[in-house]
């Protein structure tokens, strides 16, 4: 059962003047909730705060945190989606200086991903849809997800669990709903996200875990040719943790020791 709050109260309808609907003017976070607790919550709040500064949204982060924690207790377990829009506006792109952001919370059941995704690995679909380069929005989880919507419509078979997305210059960026890592010579590599892409909270957590484990890690420009030379490849997000990648088109990789080590660390964080 899906439950929804709008501005702290149960509701299921938005004003048609909401700028999130009209222009995608806002941000969102998708959080895993276990035992009434939103996991990796501080990282989600940090990304939301960064997005608020970039979009010049007047966010009351203390209020958002309180509402999220209360909502998480009530839902107990599942996926909590937090949406923050700029609120109501009149026709035209220019936002009102006194706009009041709107807070939307939704609960959903835990997704039922096949266990073999984590154990045996997944196959990536090579998406034709390209990510536009826009440094001002890079890293943010803003409400305009049309690139991902179009990319996800490119496949419907059960053989592919995720898609591989590149930018308009051909660089490998991320999955449709996950971040991408590869391992080469014991070094953990992930695409640079200063031009486009979403800086996932699990991506950030994994970079921190690598540093704590004295594992060399770098964010840099990566291409398909780099994937061809990789020893291991995996995708990650804050809901399912880590899925090894075993194939993409004609490329194949084993499920390697670095991926398994990080999976074990993440299982403790997400209780999965």
C-alpha atoms as a PDB file:
ATOM      1  CA  UNK A   1       0.000   0.000   0.000  1.00  0.00           C
ATOM      2  CA  UNK A   2       1.338   3.435  -0.973  1.00  0.00           C
ATOM      3  CA  UNK A   3       0.963   6.224   1.578  1.00  0.00           C
ATOM      4  CA  UNK A   4       1.571   9.869   0.704  1.00  0.00           C
ATOM      5  CA  UNK A   5       2.121  13.029   2.735  1.00  0.00           C
ATOM      6  CA  UNK A   6       2.213  16.517   1.266  1.00  0.00           C
ATOM      7  CA  UNK A   7       3.722  19.226   3.469  1.00  0.00           C
ATOM      8  CA  UNK A   8       3.501  16.969   6.493  1.00  0.00           C
ATOM      9  CA  UNK A   9      -0.128  15.862   6.145  1.00  0.00           C
ATOM     10  CA  UNK A  10      -1.797  12.883   4.418  1.00  0.00           C
ATOM     11  CA  UNK A  11      -2.841  13.878   0.892  1.00  0.00           C
ATOM     12  CA  UNK A  12      -2.941  12.502  -2.636  1.00  0.00           C
ATOM     13  CA  UNK A  13      -3.331  15.562  -4.904  1.00  0.00           C
ATOM     14  CA  UNK A  14      -1.181  18.503  -6.008  1.00  0.00           C
ATOM     15  CA  UNK A  15      -2.175  21.952  -7.277  1.00  0.00           C
ATOM     16  CA  UNK A  16      -1.864  22.174 -11.053  1.00  0.00           C
ATOM     17  CA  UNK A  17       0.325  25.261 -10.558  1.00  0.00           C
ATOM     18  CA  UNK A  18       3.109  23.222  -8.928  1.00  0.00           C
ATOM     19  CA  UNK A  19       6.391  23.973 -10.722  1.00  0.00           C
ATOM     20  CA  UNK A  20       7.576  20.416 -10.244  1.00  0.00           C
ATOM     21  CA  UNK A  21       4.798  19.336 -12.584  1.00  0.00           C
ATOM     22  CA  UNK A  22       5.174  22.259 -14.988  1.00  0.00           C
ATOM     23  CA  UNK A  23       8.980  22.382 -15.290  1.00  0.00           C
ATOM     24  CA  UNK A  24      10.530  19.553 -13.288  1.00  0.00           C
ATOM     25  CA  UNK A  25      11.611  22.316 -10.915  1.00  0.00           C
ATOM     26  CA  UNK A  26      12.714  20.317  -7.914  1.00  0.00           C
ATOM     27  CA  UNK A  27      14.650  17.427  -6.469  1.00  0.00           C
ATOM     28  CA  UNK A  28      14.019  13.946  -5.122  1.00  0.00           C
ATOM     29  CA  UNK A  29      15.633  11.258  -3.001  1.00  0.00           C
ATOM     30  CA  UNK A  30      14.808   7.550  -2.844  1.00  0.00           C
ATOM     31  CA  UNK A  31      15.594   5.987   0.528  1.00  0.00           C
ATOM     32  CA  UNK A  32      15.590   2.447   1.847  1.00  0.00           C
ATOM     33  CA  UNK A  33      13.747   2.142   5.157  1.00  0.00           C
ATOM     34  CA  UNK A  34      14.425  -0.739   7.543  1.00  0.00           C
ATOM     35  CA  UNK A  35      13.029  -1.061  11.074  1.00  0.00           C
ATOM     36  CA  UNK A  36      11.632   2.448  10.835  1.00  0.00           C
ATOM     37  CA  UNK A  37      14.990   3.996   9.974  1.00  0.00           C
ATOM     38  CA  UNK A  38      15.936   5.698   6.675  1.00  0.00           C
ATOM     39  CA  UNK A  39      19.323   4.258   5.703  1.00  0.00           C
ATOM     40  CA  UNK A  40      22.258   6.358   4.495  1.00  0.00           C
ATOM     41  CA  UNK A  41      20.076   9.298   5.502  1.00  0.00           C
ATOM     42  CA  UNK A  42      22.890  11.794   6.056  1.00  0.00           C
ATOM     43  CA  UNK A  43      24.194  11.266   2.536  1.00  0.00           C
ATOM     44  CA  UNK A  44      20.712  11.754   1.100  1.00  0.00           C
ATOM     45  CA  UNK A  45      20.289  14.986   3.066  1.00  0.00           C
ATOM     46  CA  UNK A  46      23.703  16.230   1.940  1.00  0.00           C
ATOM     47  CA  UNK A  47      22.841  15.674  -1.718  1.00  0.00           C
ATOM     48  CA  UNK A  48      19.454  17.312  -1.226  1.00  0.00           C
ATOM     49  CA  UNK A  49      21.128  20.326   0.381  1.00  0.00           C
ATOM     50  CA  UNK A  50      23.577  20.608  -2.526  1.00  0.00           C
ATOM     51  CA  UNK A  51      20.693  20.450  -4.989  1.00  0.00           C
ATOM     52  CA  UNK A  52      18.819  23.085  -3.010  1.00  0.00           C
ATOM     53  CA  UNK A  53      21.780  25.460  -3.237  1.00  0.00           C
ATOM     54  CA  UNK A  54      22.241  24.829  -6.962  1.00  0.00           C
ATOM     55  CA  UNK A  55      18.560  25.431  -7.726  1.00  0.00           C
ATOM     56  CA  UNK A  56      18.229  28.251  -5.168  1.00  0.00           C
ATOM     57  CA  UNK A  57      15.456  26.442  -3.303  1.00  0.00           C
ATOM     58  CA  UNK A  58      14.708  27.739   0.169  1.00  0.00           C
ATOM     59  CA  UNK A  59      14.764  24.338   1.878  1.00  0.00           C
ATOM     60  CA  UNK A  60      14.036  23.852   5.570  1.00  0.00           C
ATOM     61  CA  UNK A  61      16.323  20.858   5.986  1.00  0.00           C
ATOM     62  CA  UNK A  62      15.562  20.435   9.690  1.00  0.00           C
ATOM     63  CA  UNK A  63      11.845  20.192   8.940  1.00  0.00           C
ATOM     64  CA  UNK A  64      12.467  17.785   6.060  1.00  0.00           C
ATOM     65  CA  UNK A  65      14.577  15.571   8.302  1.00  0.00           C
ATOM     66  CA  UNK A  66      11.946  15.483  11.045  1.00  0.00           C
ATOM     67  CA  UNK A  67       9.166  14.629   8.608  1.00  0.00           C
ATOM     68  CA  UNK A  68      11.221  11.903   6.933  1.00  0.00           C
ATOM     69  CA  UNK A  69      12.098  10.281  10.251  1.00  0.00           C
ATOM     70  CA  UNK A  70       8.483  10.349  11.423  1.00  0.00           C
ATOM     71  CA  UNK A  71       7.255   8.994   8.091  1.00  0.00           C
ATOM     72  CA  UNK A  72       9.885   6.218   8.189  1.00  0.00           C
ATOM     73  CA  UNK A  73       8.738   5.109  11.635  1.00  0.00           C
ATOM     74  CA  UNK A  74       5.148   4.885  10.427  1.00  0.00           C
ATOM     75  CA  UNK A  75       6.014   2.904   7.283  1.00  0.00           C
ATOM     76  CA  UNK A  76       8.506   0.678   9.179  1.00  0.00           C
ATOM     77  CA  UNK A  77       9.949  -0.939   6.040  1.00  0.00           C
ATOM     78  CA  UNK A  78      10.004  -0.220   2.332  1.00  0.00           C
ATOM     79  CA  UNK A  79      11.107   2.526  -0.022  1.00  0.00           C
ATOM     80  CA  UNK A  80      10.509   6.155   0.881  1.00  0.00           C
ATOM     81  CA  UNK A  81      10.529   8.735  -1.904  1.00  0.00           C
ATOM     82  CA  UNK A  82      11.067  12.348  -0.930  1.00  0.00           C
ATOM     83  CA  UNK A  83      10.185  14.970  -3.543  1.00  0.00           C
ATOM     84  CA  UNK A  84      10.787  18.675  -3.036  1.00  0.00           C
ATOM     85  CA  UNK A  85       9.386  21.075  -5.622  1.00  0.00           C
ATOM     86  CA  UNK A  86       9.713  24.840  -5.767  1.00  0.00           C
ATOM     87  CA  UNK A  87       6.006  24.970  -5.023  1.00  0.00           C
ATOM     88  CA  UNK A  88       3.325  26.902  -6.866  1.00  0.00           C
ATOM     89  CA  UNK A  89       4.086  29.434  -9.574  1.00  0.00           C
ATOM     90  CA  UNK A  90       2.495  31.428 -12.340  1.00  0.00           C
ATOM     91  CA  UNK A  91       3.080  30.908 -16.060  1.00  0.00           C
ATOM     92  CA  UNK A  92       6.685  31.500 -17.147  1.00  0.00           C
ATOM     93  CA  UNK A  93      10.091  30.105 -16.280  1.00  0.00           C
ATOM     94  CA  UNK A  94      11.096  32.803 -13.797  1.00  0.00           C
ATOM     95  CA  UNK A  95      10.582  31.515 -10.240  1.00  0.00           C
ATOM     96  CA  UNK A  96       8.895  33.761  -7.708  1.00  0.00           C
ATOM     97  CA  UNK A  97      11.289  35.111  -5.092  1.00  0.00           C
ATOM     98  CA  UNK A  98       8.850  34.153  -2.332  1.00  0.00           C
ATOM     99  CA  UNK A  99       8.104  30.659  -3.622  1.00  0.00           C
ATOM    100  CA  UNK A 100       7.466  28.143  -0.836  1.00  0.00           C
ATOM    101  CA  UNK A 101       8.918  24.677  -1.560  1.00  0.00           C
ATOM    102  CA  UNK A 102       6.485  21.770  -1.378  1.00  0.00           C
ATOM    103  CA  UNK A 103       7.451  18.534   0.403  1.00  0.00           C
ATOM    104  CA  UNK A 104       6.070  15.203  -0.812  1.00  0.00           C
ATOM    105  CA  UNK A 105       6.689  11.845   0.861  1.00  0.00           C
ATOM    106  CA  UNK A 106       5.580   8.527  -0.607  1.00  0.00           C
ATOM    107  CA  UNK A 107       6.012   4.975   0.670  1.00  0.00           C
ATOM    108  CA  UNK A 108       6.254   1.858  -1.486  1.00  0.00           C
ATOM    109  CA  UNK A 109       6.911  -1.819  -0.704  1.00  0.00           C
ATOM    110  CA  UNK A 110      10.422  -3.183  -1.024  1.00  0.00           C
ATOM    111  CA  UNK A 111      11.159  -4.176  -4.643  1.00  0.00           C
ATOM    112  CA  UNK A 112      11.455  -7.905  -5.315  1.00  0.00           C
ATOM    113  CA  UNK A 113      14.689  -8.132  -7.262  1.00  0.00           C
ATOM    114  CA  UNK A 114      15.852 -11.634  -8.250  1.00  0.00           C
ATOM    115  CA  UNK A 115      18.478 -12.953  -5.828  1.00  0.00           C
ATOM    116  CA  UNK A 116      20.649 -14.041  -8.744  1.00  0.00           C
ATOM    117  CA  UNK A 117      21.226 -10.371  -9.637  1.00  0.00           C
ATOM    118  CA  UNK A 118      23.466 -10.063  -6.583  1.00  0.00           C
ATOM    119  CA  UNK A 119      24.827 -13.597  -6.639  1.00  0.00           C
ATOM    120  CA  UNK A 120      25.485 -14.325 -10.312  1.00  0.00           C
ATOM    121  CA  UNK A 121      25.545 -10.807 -11.739  1.00  0.00           C
ATOM    122  CA  UNK A 122      23.489  -8.985 -14.342  1.00  0.00           C
ATOM    123  CA  UNK A 123      23.650  -8.184 -18.024  1.00  0.00           C
ATOM    124  CA  UNK A 124      23.563  -4.502 -19.077  1.00  0.00           C
ATOM    125  CA  UNK A 125      21.612  -3.252 -22.057  1.00  0.00           C
ATOM    126  CA  UNK A 126      23.644  -0.799 -24.200  1.00  0.00           C
ATOM    127  CA  UNK A 127      21.303   2.206 -24.305  1.00  0.00           C
ATOM    128  CA  UNK A 128      21.262   4.380 -27.407  1.00  0.00           C
ATOM    129  CA  UNK A 129      19.905   7.325 -25.426  1.00  0.00           C
ATOM    130  CA  UNK A 130      22.705   9.733 -24.523  1.00  0.00           C
ATOM    131  CA  UNK A 131      22.998  11.944 -21.460  1.00  0.00           C
ATOM    132  CA  UNK A 132      23.281  15.654 -22.195  1.00  0.00           C
ATOM    133  CA  UNK A 133      26.218  17.455 -20.613  1.00  0.00           C
ATOM    134  CA  UNK A 134      25.087  20.138 -18.155  1.00  0.00           C
ATOM    135  CA  UNK A 135      27.597  20.797 -15.342  1.00  0.00           C
ATOM    136  CA  UNK A 136      25.132  22.938 -13.370  1.00  0.00           C
ATOM    137  CA  UNK A 137      22.864  19.913 -12.918  1.00  0.00           C
ATOM    138  CA  UNK A 138      25.560  17.234 -12.828  1.00  0.00           C
ATOM    139  CA  UNK A 139      25.414  15.036  -9.756  1.00  0.00           C
ATOM    140  CA  UNK A 140      21.941  16.186  -8.708  1.00  0.00           C
ATOM    141  CA  UNK A 141      18.829  14.043  -8.522  1.00  0.00           C
ATOM    142  CA  UNK A 142      16.559  16.633 -10.095  1.00  0.00           C
ATOM    143  CA  UNK A 143      13.019  15.944 -11.230  1.00  0.00           C
ATOM    144  CA  UNK A 144      13.712  15.905 -14.972  1.00  0.00           C
ATOM    145  CA  UNK A 145      14.369  12.207 -15.619  1.00  0.00           C
ATOM    146  CA  UNK A 146      13.234  12.075 -19.250  1.00  0.00           C
ATOM    147  CA  UNK A 147      16.599  10.773 -20.434  1.00  0.00           C
ATOM    148  CA  UNK A 148      16.227   7.834 -18.054  1.00  0.00           C
ATOM    149  CA  UNK A 149      12.587   7.294 -19.038  1.00  0.00           C
ATOM    150  CA  UNK A 150      13.523   7.088 -22.720  1.00  0.00           C
ATOM    151  CA  UNK A 151      16.535   4.870 -22.013  1.00  0.00           C
ATOM    152  CA  UNK A 152      14.515   2.476 -19.859  1.00  0.00           C
ATOM    153  CA  UNK A 153      11.966   2.066 -22.660  1.00  0.00           C
ATOM    154  CA  UNK A 154      14.689   0.660 -24.929  1.00  0.00           C
ATOM    155  CA  UNK A 155      14.427  -2.845 -23.465  1.00  0.00           C
ATOM    156  CA  UNK A 156      11.653  -4.915 -21.947  1.00  0.00           C
ATOM    157  CA  UNK A 157      13.160  -8.400 -21.741  1.00  0.00           C
ATOM    158  CA  UNK A 158      14.110 -10.116 -18.494  1.00  0.00           C
ATOM    159  CA  UNK A 159      17.631 -10.805 -19.746  1.00  0.00           C
ATOM    160  CA  UNK A 160      18.802  -7.266 -18.990  1.00  0.00           C
ATOM    161  CA  UNK A 161      18.486  -5.947 -15.437  1.00  0.00           C
ATOM    162  CA  UNK A 162      19.997  -2.517 -16.130  1.00  0.00           C
ATOM    163  CA  UNK A 163      21.117  -0.272 -18.940  1.00  0.00           C
ATOM    164  CA  UNK A 164      24.464   1.316 -19.665  1.00  0.00           C
ATOM    165  CA  UNK A 165      24.321   5.044 -20.426  1.00  0.00           C
ATOM    166  CA  UNK A 166      26.913   7.263 -22.092  1.00  0.00           C
ATOM    167  CA  UNK A 167      27.034  11.005 -22.615  1.00  0.00           C
ATOM    168  CA  UNK A 168      26.864  12.801 -25.955  1.00  0.00           C
ATOM    169  CA  UNK A 169      30.658  12.596 -26.242  1.00  0.00           C
ATOM    170  CA  UNK A 170      30.618   8.819 -25.851  1.00  0.00           C
ATOM    171  CA  UNK A 171      31.968   8.606 -22.308  1.00  0.00           C
ATOM    172  CA  UNK A 172      30.532   5.917 -20.051  1.00  0.00           C
ATOM    173  CA  UNK A 173      28.549   7.624 -17.264  1.00  0.00           C
ATOM    174  CA  UNK A 174      26.192   5.345 -15.312  1.00  0.00           C
ATOM    175  CA  UNK A 175      23.313   2.909 -15.381  1.00  0.00           C
ATOM    176  CA  UNK A 176      19.734   4.039 -15.923  1.00  0.00           C
ATOM    177  CA  UNK A 177      19.076   3.861 -12.178  1.00  0.00           C
ATOM    178  CA  UNK A 178      22.468   3.048 -10.721  1.00  0.00           C
ATOM    179  CA  UNK A 179      26.096   4.080 -10.661  1.00  0.00           C
ATOM    180  CA  UNK A 180      28.849   2.152 -12.384  1.00  0.00           C
ATOM    181  CA  UNK A 181      32.224   0.933 -11.096  1.00  0.00           C
ATOM    182  CA  UNK A 182      35.003  -1.095 -12.636  1.00  0.00           C
ATOM    183  CA  UNK A 183      38.120  -2.680 -11.169  1.00  0.00           C
ATOM    184  CA  UNK A 184      41.427  -2.702 -13.020  1.00  0.00           C
ATOM    185  CA  UNK A 185      44.631  -3.937 -11.429  1.00  0.00           C
ATOM    186  CA  UNK A 186      43.152  -3.642  -7.947  1.00  0.00           C
ATOM    187  CA  UNK A 187      42.128  -0.003  -8.488  1.00  0.00           C
ATOM    188  CA  UNK A 188      38.468   0.954  -8.110  1.00  0.00           C
ATOM    189  CA  UNK A 189      37.372   3.246 -10.949  1.00  0.00           C
ATOM    190  CA  UNK A 190      34.104   5.110 -11.446  1.00  0.00           C
ATOM    191  CA  UNK A 191      33.062   7.650 -14.092  1.00  0.00           C
ATOM    192  CA  UNK A 192      33.612  11.332 -13.403  1.00  0.00           C
ATOM    193  CA  UNK A 193      30.232  13.025 -12.917  1.00  0.00           C
ATOM    194  CA  UNK A 194      31.108  16.704 -13.292  1.00  0.00           C
ATOM    195  CA  UNK A 195      29.370  16.992 -16.692  1.00  0.00           C
ATOM    196  CA  UNK A 196      26.257  14.847 -16.178  1.00  0.00           C
ATOM    197  CA  UNK A 197      24.936  11.888 -14.253  1.00  0.00           C
ATOM    198  CA  UNK A 198      23.663  11.347 -10.711  1.00  0.00           C
ATOM    199  CA  UNK A 199      26.133  11.202  -7.839  1.00  0.00           C
ATOM    200  CA  UNK A 200      24.465   8.317  -6.013  1.00  0.00           C
ATOM    201  CA  UNK A 201      24.674   8.028  -2.258  1.00  0.00           C
ATOM    202  CA  UNK A 202      25.845   4.417  -2.536  1.00  0.00           C
ATOM    203  CA  UNK A 203      28.568   5.549  -4.927  1.00  0.00           C
ATOM    204  CA  UNK A 204      29.722   8.047  -2.314  1.00  0.00           C
ATOM    205  CA  UNK A 205      29.567   5.420   0.418  1.00  0.00           C
ATOM    206  CA  UNK A 206      31.644   2.983  -1.619  1.00  0.00           C
ATOM    207  CA  UNK A 207      34.334   5.583  -2.273  1.00  0.00           C
ATOM    208  CA  UNK A 208      34.516   6.200   1.472  1.00  0.00           C
ATOM    209  CA  UNK A 209      34.669   2.469   2.236  1.00  0.00           C
ATOM    210  CA  UNK A 210      37.465   2.071  -0.306  1.00  0.00           C
ATOM    211  CA  UNK A 211      39.440   4.852   1.358  1.00  0.00           C
ATOM    212  CA  UNK A 212      38.961   3.279   4.798  1.00  0.00           C
ATOM    213  CA  UNK A 213      40.152  -0.061   3.427  1.00  0.00           C
ATOM    214  CA  UNK A 214      43.212   1.550   1.796  1.00  0.00           C
ATOM    215  CA  UNK A 215      41.874   0.544  -1.591  1.00  0.00           C
ATOM    216  CA  UNK A 216      42.955   2.961  -4.343  1.00  0.00           C
ATOM    217  CA  UNK A 217      39.934   4.568  -6.006  1.00  0.00           C
ATOM    218  CA  UNK A 218      39.542   7.211  -8.708  1.00  0.00           C
ATOM    219  CA  UNK A 219      36.773   9.068 -10.499  1.00  0.00           C
ATOM    220  CA  UNK A 220      37.795   9.778 -14.087  1.00  0.00           C
ATOM    221  CA  UNK A 221      36.613   9.787 -17.695  1.00  0.00           C
ATOM    222  CA  UNK A 222      35.891   6.226 -18.825  1.00  0.00           C
ATOM    223  CA  UNK A 223      35.042   4.823 -22.232  1.00  0.00           C
ATOM    224  CA  UNK A 224      33.830   1.489 -23.551  1.00  0.00           C
ATOM    225  CA  UNK A 225      37.452   0.685 -24.339  1.00  0.00           C
ATOM    226  CA  UNK A 226      38.200   0.918 -20.613  1.00  0.00           C
ATOM    227  CA  UNK A 227      35.379  -1.493 -19.831  1.00  0.00           C
ATOM    228  CA  UNK A 228      36.908  -3.916 -22.332  1.00  0.00           C
ATOM    229  CA  UNK A 229      40.069  -3.981 -20.183  1.00  0.00           C
ATOM    230  CA  UNK A 230      38.315  -4.195 -16.804  1.00  0.00           C
ATOM    231  CA  UNK A 231      38.887  -7.102 -14.431  1.00  0.00           C
ATOM    232  CA  UNK A 232      35.511  -6.596 -12.727  1.00  0.00           C
ATOM    233  CA  UNK A 233      32.449  -4.398 -13.292  1.00  0.00           C
ATOM    234  CA  UNK A 234      29.503  -3.724 -10.999  1.00  0.00           C
ATOM    235  CA  UNK A 235      26.577  -1.347 -10.560  1.00  0.00           C
ATOM    236  CA  UNK A 236      25.170  -0.009  -7.309  1.00  0.00           C
ATOM    237  CA  UNK A 237      22.425   2.036  -5.719  1.00  0.00           C
ATOM    238  CA  UNK A 238      21.050   2.670  -2.243  1.00  0.00           C
ATOM    239  CA  UNK A 239      18.135   0.236  -2.574  1.00  0.00           C
ATOM    240  CA  UNK A 240      19.673  -3.018  -3.809  1.00  0.00           C
ATOM    241  CA  UNK A 241      23.321  -2.412  -2.874  1.00  0.00           C
ATOM    242  CA  UNK A 242      25.703  -3.946  -5.424  1.00  0.00           C
ATOM    243  CA  UNK A 243      25.046  -6.098  -8.474  1.00  0.00           C
ATOM    244  CA  UNK A 244      28.055  -7.576 -10.260  1.00  0.00           C
ATOM    245  CA  UNK A 245      27.956  -7.034 -14.028  1.00  0.00           C
ATOM    246  CA  UNK A 246      28.712 -10.182 -15.959  1.00  0.00           C
ATOM    247  CA  UNK A 247      28.062  -8.964 -19.496  1.00  0.00           C
ATOM    248  CA  UNK A 248      27.199  -6.093 -21.828  1.00  0.00           C
ATOM    249  CA  UNK A 249      26.776  -6.998 -25.487  1.00  0.00           C
ATOM    250  CA  UNK A 250      29.852  -9.074 -26.355  1.00  0.00           C
ATOM    251  CA  UNK A 251      31.831  -8.062 -23.259  1.00  0.00           C
ATOM    252  CA  UNK A 252      32.027 -10.447 -20.296  1.00  0.00           C
ATOM    253  CA  UNK A 253      33.463 -10.173 -16.787  1.00  0.00           C
ATOM    254  CA  UNK A 254      33.798 -12.537 -13.842  1.00  0.00           C
ATOM    255  CA  UNK A 255      32.336 -11.763 -10.440  1.00  0.00           C
ATOM    256  CA  UNK A 256      35.622 -10.807  -8.806  1.00  0.00           C
ATOM    257  CA  UNK A 257      37.020 -10.554  -5.266  1.00  0.00           C
ATOM    258  CA  UNK A 258      36.789  -6.754  -4.999  1.00  0.00           C
ATOM    259  CA  UNK A 259      33.111  -6.825  -5.913  1.00  0.00           C
ATOM    260  CA  UNK A 260      32.437  -9.571  -3.360  1.00  0.00           C
ATOM    261  CA  UNK A 261      34.344  -7.716  -0.648  1.00  0.00           C
ATOM    262  CA  UNK A 262      32.367  -4.538  -1.219  1.00  0.00           C
ATOM    263  CA  UNK A 263      29.111  -6.495  -1.405  1.00  0.00           C
ATOM    264  CA  UNK A 264      29.768  -7.917   2.051  1.00  0.00           C
ATOM    265  CA  UNK A 265      30.438  -4.456   3.459  1.00  0.00           C
ATOM    266  CA  UNK A 266      27.281  -3.040   1.879  1.00  0.00           C
ATOM    267  CA  UNK A 267      25.107  -5.895   3.149  1.00  0.00           C
ATOM    268  CA  UNK A 268      25.924  -4.758   6.662  1.00  0.00           C
ATOM    269  CA  UNK A 269      24.940  -1.188   5.841  1.00  0.00           C
ATOM    270  CA  UNK A 270      21.626  -2.066   4.179  1.00  0.00           C
ATOM    271  CA  UNK A 271      20.767  -5.227   6.103  1.00  0.00           C
ATOM    272  CA  UNK A 272      20.212  -7.175   2.885  1.00  0.00           C
END
